Structures are given as C-alpha cells and as structure tokens.
C-alpha cells in the first residue's frame, strides 16, 4: 500500500475546510498511515472462514424483566399535588389558545 503523503492530507484538509500548519500536516500524515496499515493487517488476519462479528463476546440483556409491581392509586398520586382537576394534575397553560 502506498504511503499517505502530506500533500494528500493537505488536499483533504482543504476539502474539509480545515486549516492545518505544516507540522500538523506531517504529523497527521504519519498517523493516518499507521491507521491504514493497522486496518490492513487486521483485514489480512480475517479469512473467508471467519464470520464477521460486531463484538468479540456474545451480548445479552442485563436488564430485568419489566414487571408491574405495587403502584399508586390515582388518589394516592394526586394526594400532594398542588392542584388537581378531574383526577389529573392541573398545571398552568404555557401556550395561549392551544
């Protein structure tokens, strides 16, 4: 694979409207080259007999089942409400006419 050059990084930075100094261009070119070579080495390790996975270990749900437990009655829920009407919390209107 060919090396990523400073000029290629400068071109990409220009397309993305990112201002970069000469030092940054040189550093990013080296970092991108390392990233590309790392991806290439991983791609070589995975052959056609290796199934694609999103995680190395199987995932499972760690949450408990959603089971209804003890709940408040409507009267208990409204007991300490500052204002209630027809079994509902009453709040000030924030939109006029809607």
N, C-alpha and C. Protein backbone atom coordinates (compact mmCIF):
# COMPACT_ATOMS: atom_id res chain seq x y z
N UNK A 1 0.85 -1.18 0.00
CA UNK A 1 0.00 0.00 0.00
C UNK A 1 0.89 1.24 0.00
N UNK A 2 0.51 2.22 -0.78
CA UNK A 2 1.31 3.44 -0.86
C UNK A 2 1.13 4.30 0.37
N UNK A 3 2.18 5.03 0.71
CA UNK A 3 2.14 5.88 1.89
C UNK A 3 1.22 7.07 1.66
N UNK A 4 0.60 7.51 2.73
CA UNK A 4 -0.23 8.71 2.67
C UNK A 4 0.70 9.91 2.77
N UNK A 5 0.62 10.78 1.80
CA UNK A 5 1.56 11.90 1.74
C UNK A 5 0.98 13.14 2.41
N UNK A 6 1.89 14.06 2.69
CA UNK A 6 1.50 15.34 3.28
C UNK A 6 0.58 16.09 2.33
N UNK A 7 0.85 15.98 1.01
CA UNK A 7 0.02 16.67 0.02
C UNK A 7 -1.41 16.12 0.00
N UNK A 8 -1.56 14.79 0.19
CA UNK A 8 -2.90 14.21 0.24
C UNK A 8 -3.66 14.71 1.47
N UNK A 9 -2.97 14.79 2.59
CA UNK A 9 -3.61 15.30 3.80
C UNK A 9 -3.98 16.77 3.62
N UNK A 10 -3.10 17.53 3.00
CA UNK A 10 -3.39 18.95 2.75
C UNK A 10 -4.61 19.09 1.85
N UNK A 11 -4.72 18.22 0.84
CA UNK A 11 -5.87 18.26 -0.06
C UNK A 11 -7.16 17.95 0.70
N UNK A 12 -7.13 16.90 1.53
CA UNK A 12 -8.31 16.55 2.32
C UNK A 12 -8.68 17.66 3.31
N UNK A 13 -7.67 18.26 3.94
CA UNK A 13 -7.93 19.37 4.86
C UNK A 13 -8.56 20.54 4.13
N UNK A 14 -8.11 20.79 2.91
CA UNK A 14 -8.68 21.88 2.11
C UNK A 14 -10.14 21.58 1.77
N UNK A 15 -10.42 20.33 1.38
CA UNK A 15 -11.80 19.95 1.06
C UNK A 15 -12.71 20.07 2.27
N UNK A 16 -12.17 19.75 3.45
CA UNK A 16 -12.96 19.82 4.68
C UNK A 16 -12.93 21.20 5.31
N UNK A 17 -12.25 22.13 4.67
CA UNK A 17 -12.13 23.50 5.17
C UNK A 17 -11.51 23.53 6.57
N UNK A 18 -10.44 22.72 6.73
CA UNK A 18 -9.71 22.67 8.00
C UNK A 18 -8.35 23.30 7.78
N UNK A 19 -8.04 24.32 8.55
CA UNK A 19 -6.72 24.94 8.46
C UNK A 19 -5.73 24.13 9.29
N UNK A 20 -4.61 23.75 8.65
CA UNK A 20 -3.59 22.97 9.35
C UNK A 20 -2.22 23.56 9.05
N UNK A 21 -1.36 23.55 10.07
CA UNK A 21 0.01 24.01 9.88
C UNK A 21 0.81 22.90 9.20
N UNK A 22 2.03 23.23 8.74
CA UNK A 22 2.89 22.23 8.13
C UNK A 22 3.22 21.11 9.10
N UNK A 23 3.42 21.45 10.37
CA UNK A 23 3.70 20.43 11.38
C UNK A 23 2.50 19.48 11.54
N UNK A 24 1.31 20.04 11.59
CA UNK A 24 0.12 19.22 11.74
C UNK A 24 -0.09 18.32 10.53
N UNK A 25 0.16 18.84 9.35
CA UNK A 25 0.01 18.03 8.14
C UNK A 25 0.95 16.84 8.16
N UNK A 26 2.19 17.07 8.54
CA UNK A 26 3.17 15.99 8.59
C UNK A 26 2.79 14.96 9.66
N UNK A 27 2.38 15.44 10.82
CA UNK A 27 2.01 14.53 11.91
C UNK A 27 0.78 13.71 11.54
N UNK A 28 -0.24 14.34 10.99
CA UNK A 28 -1.48 13.64 10.63
C UNK A 28 -1.22 12.63 9.51
N UNK A 29 -0.34 12.97 8.57
CA UNK A 29 0.00 12.03 7.50
C UNK A 29 0.58 10.75 8.09
N UNK A 30 1.47 10.88 9.07
CA UNK A 30 2.04 9.70 9.73
C UNK A 30 1.00 8.92 10.50
N UNK A 31 0.12 9.62 11.19
CA UNK A 31 -0.93 8.95 11.97
C UNK A 31 -1.91 8.20 11.05
N UNK A 32 -2.28 8.83 9.95
CA UNK A 32 -3.19 8.17 9.01
C UNK A 32 -2.54 6.95 8.38
N UNK A 33 -1.25 7.03 8.07
CA UNK A 33 -0.54 5.89 7.52
C UNK A 33 -0.55 4.72 8.50
N UNK A 34 -0.34 5.02 9.78
CA UNK A 34 -0.37 3.98 10.81
C UNK A 34 -1.76 3.36 10.92
N UNK A 35 -2.79 4.17 10.85
CA UNK A 35 -4.17 3.67 10.93
C UNK A 35 -4.47 2.77 9.74
N UNK A 36 -4.10 3.20 8.55
CA UNK A 36 -4.37 2.41 7.35
C UNK A 36 -3.62 1.08 7.40
N UNK A 37 -2.38 1.09 7.84
CA UNK A 37 -1.61 -0.15 7.91
C UNK A 37 -2.18 -1.08 8.99
N UNK A 38 -2.68 -0.53 10.08
CA UNK A 38 -3.30 -1.35 11.13
C UNK A 38 -4.57 -2.02 10.62
N UNK A 39 -5.39 -1.28 9.90
CA UNK A 39 -6.61 -1.85 9.34
C UNK A 39 -6.26 -2.93 8.32
N UNK A 40 -5.23 -2.71 7.52
CA UNK A 40 -4.81 -3.70 6.53
C UNK A 40 -4.35 -4.98 7.21
N UNK A 41 -3.62 -4.87 8.31
CA UNK A 41 -3.14 -6.08 8.99
C UNK A 41 -4.30 -6.86 9.62
N UNK A 42 -5.31 -6.16 10.13
CA UNK A 42 -6.48 -6.84 10.68
C UNK A 42 -7.26 -7.51 9.55
N UNK A 43 -7.36 -6.86 8.42
CA UNK A 43 -8.08 -7.42 7.28
C UNK A 43 -7.42 -8.70 6.79
N UNK A 44 -6.10 -8.77 6.85
CA UNK A 44 -5.39 -9.97 6.42
C UNK A 44 -5.63 -11.13 7.38
N UNK A 45 -5.79 -10.85 8.66
CA UNK A 45 -5.99 -11.90 9.65
C UNK A 45 -7.35 -12.56 9.51
N UNK A 46 -8.35 -11.82 9.11
CA UNK A 46 -9.70 -12.37 8.97
C UNK A 46 -9.84 -12.99 7.59
N UNK A 47 -9.92 -14.31 7.55
CA UNK A 47 -10.09 -15.01 6.29
C UNK A 47 -11.55 -15.23 5.98
N UNK A 48 -11.84 -15.90 4.86
CA UNK A 48 -13.24 -16.14 4.48
C UNK A 48 -13.97 -17.09 5.44
N UNK A 49 -13.21 -17.88 6.21
CA UNK A 49 -13.85 -18.81 7.13
C UNK A 49 -14.16 -18.18 8.49
N UNK A 50 -13.77 -16.92 8.68
CA UNK A 50 -14.02 -16.22 9.95
C UNK A 50 -15.27 -15.36 9.78
N UNK A 51 -16.34 -15.66 10.55
CA UNK A 51 -17.57 -14.86 10.39
C UNK A 51 -17.37 -13.44 10.94
N UNK A 52 -18.03 -12.51 10.29
CA UNK A 52 -17.97 -11.11 10.74
C UNK A 52 -18.76 -10.97 12.04
N UNK A 53 -18.21 -10.24 12.99
CA UNK A 53 -18.88 -10.00 14.27
C UNK A 53 -18.78 -8.53 14.62
N UNK A 54 -19.72 -8.09 15.44
CA UNK A 54 -19.66 -6.70 15.91
C UNK A 54 -19.00 -6.63 17.28
N UNK A 55 -18.99 -7.78 18.00
CA UNK A 55 -18.40 -7.84 19.33
C UNK A 55 -17.67 -9.16 19.49
N UNK A 56 -16.58 -9.18 20.22
CA UNK A 56 -15.85 -10.44 20.39
C UNK A 56 -16.58 -11.42 21.30
N UNK A 57 -17.43 -10.94 22.15
CA UNK A 57 -18.17 -11.80 23.07
C UNK A 57 -19.67 -11.65 22.79
N UNK A 58 -20.44 -12.71 23.00
CA UNK A 58 -21.89 -12.58 22.78
C UNK A 58 -22.51 -11.58 23.76
N UNK A 59 -23.46 -10.82 23.26
CA UNK A 59 -24.14 -9.84 24.09
C UNK A 59 -25.44 -10.42 24.64
N UNK A 60 -25.80 -10.00 25.83
CA UNK A 60 -27.08 -10.37 26.40
C UNK A 60 -27.62 -9.20 27.19
N UNK A 61 -28.92 -9.16 27.31
CA UNK A 61 -29.59 -8.07 28.02
C UNK A 61 -29.36 -8.23 29.52
N UNK A 62 -28.87 -7.18 30.16
CA UNK A 62 -28.60 -7.24 31.59
C UNK A 62 -29.72 -6.62 32.43
N UNK A 63 -30.78 -6.20 31.78
CA UNK A 63 -31.88 -5.58 32.50
C UNK A 63 -32.89 -6.63 32.94
N UNK A 64 -33.58 -6.34 34.00
CA UNK A 64 -34.60 -7.25 34.50
C UNK A 64 -35.84 -7.14 33.61
N UNK A 65 -36.70 -8.11 33.74
CA UNK A 65 -37.97 -8.08 33.01
C UNK A 65 -38.81 -6.91 33.51
N UNK A 66 -39.57 -6.32 32.65
CA UNK A 66 -40.44 -5.20 33.00
C UNK A 66 -41.74 -5.76 33.55
N UNK A 67 -41.80 -5.89 34.88
CA UNK A 67 -42.96 -6.48 35.54
C UNK A 67 -43.63 -5.41 36.39
N UNK A 68 -44.95 -5.32 36.27
CA UNK A 68 -45.69 -4.33 37.05
C UNK A 68 -45.68 -4.76 38.51
N UNK A 69 -45.28 -3.82 39.38
CA UNK A 69 -45.27 -4.10 40.81
C UNK A 69 -46.34 -3.29 41.51
N UNK A 70 -46.10 -2.98 42.77
CA UNK A 70 -47.05 -2.17 43.52
C UNK A 70 -47.05 -0.75 42.96
N UNK A 71 -48.23 -0.24 42.67
CA UNK A 71 -48.35 1.10 42.12
C UNK A 71 -49.29 1.94 42.98
N UNK A 72 -49.22 3.23 42.77
CA UNK A 72 -50.10 4.15 43.49
C UNK A 72 -51.47 4.18 42.82
N UNK A 73 -52.48 4.39 43.63
CA UNK A 73 -53.80 4.62 43.06
C UNK A 73 -53.82 6.06 42.56
N UNK A 74 -54.83 6.39 41.80
CA UNK A 74 -54.95 7.75 41.30
C UNK A 74 -55.05 8.75 42.45
N UNK A 75 -55.82 8.42 43.46
CA UNK A 75 -55.97 9.32 44.61
C UNK A 75 -54.65 9.49 45.35
N UNK A 76 -53.88 8.39 45.51
CA UNK A 76 -52.58 8.49 46.20
C UNK A 76 -51.60 9.34 45.40
N UNK A 77 -51.62 9.22 44.07
CA UNK A 77 -50.72 10.00 43.23
C UNK A 77 -51.04 11.49 43.30
N UNK A 78 -52.30 11.83 43.43
CA UNK A 78 -52.72 13.23 43.45
C UNK A 78 -52.79 13.82 44.86
N UNK A 79 -52.52 13.02 45.87
CA UNK A 79 -52.67 13.44 47.26
C UNK A 79 -51.89 14.72 47.58
N UNK A 80 -50.65 14.84 47.16
CA UNK A 80 -49.82 16.01 47.47
C UNK A 80 -49.67 16.97 46.28
N UNK A 81 -50.49 16.80 45.27
CA UNK A 81 -50.41 17.68 44.09
C UNK A 81 -50.86 19.07 44.48
N UNK A 82 -50.17 20.12 44.01
CA UNK A 82 -50.59 21.49 44.33
C UNK A 82 -51.98 21.82 43.78
N UNK A 83 -52.33 21.20 42.64
CA UNK A 83 -53.64 21.46 42.05
C UNK A 83 -54.03 20.25 41.20
N UNK A 84 -55.25 19.80 41.35
CA UNK A 84 -55.75 18.66 40.57
C UNK A 84 -57.17 18.95 40.14
N UNK A 85 -57.54 18.37 39.00
CA UNK A 85 -58.90 18.57 38.50
C UNK A 85 -59.30 17.32 37.71
N UNK A 86 -60.43 16.76 38.01
CA UNK A 86 -60.97 15.59 37.33
C UNK A 86 -59.98 14.43 37.32
N UNK A 87 -59.28 14.23 38.43
CA UNK A 87 -58.36 13.10 38.54
C UNK A 87 -57.06 13.27 37.82
N UNK A 88 -56.70 14.51 37.46
CA UNK A 88 -55.46 14.76 36.73
C UNK A 88 -54.72 15.91 37.39
N UNK A 89 -53.39 15.96 37.18
CA UNK A 89 -52.62 17.10 37.64
C UNK A 89 -53.03 18.31 36.82
N UNK A 90 -53.21 19.43 37.50
CA UNK A 90 -53.56 20.67 36.79
C UNK A 90 -52.35 21.57 36.84
N UNK A 91 -51.93 22.04 35.66
CA UNK A 91 -50.75 22.88 35.54
C UNK A 91 -51.12 24.14 34.78
N UNK A 92 -50.31 25.20 34.96
CA UNK A 92 -50.62 26.44 34.22
C UNK A 92 -50.42 26.24 32.73
N UNK A 93 -51.24 26.90 31.94
CA UNK A 93 -51.12 26.84 30.48
C UNK A 93 -49.87 27.60 30.06
N UNK A 94 -49.13 27.02 29.11
CA UNK A 94 -47.95 27.71 28.62
C UNK A 94 -48.11 28.18 27.19
N UNK A 95 -49.13 27.68 26.50
CA UNK A 95 -49.41 28.11 25.13
C UNK A 95 -50.80 28.74 25.12
N UNK A 96 -50.93 29.93 24.59
CA UNK A 96 -52.22 30.60 24.54
C UNK A 96 -53.07 30.05 23.40
N UNK A 97 -54.29 29.67 23.72
CA UNK A 97 -55.25 29.27 22.72
C UNK A 97 -55.04 27.89 22.13
N UNK A 98 -54.10 27.11 22.63
CA UNK A 98 -53.89 25.76 22.07
C UNK A 98 -54.22 24.71 23.08
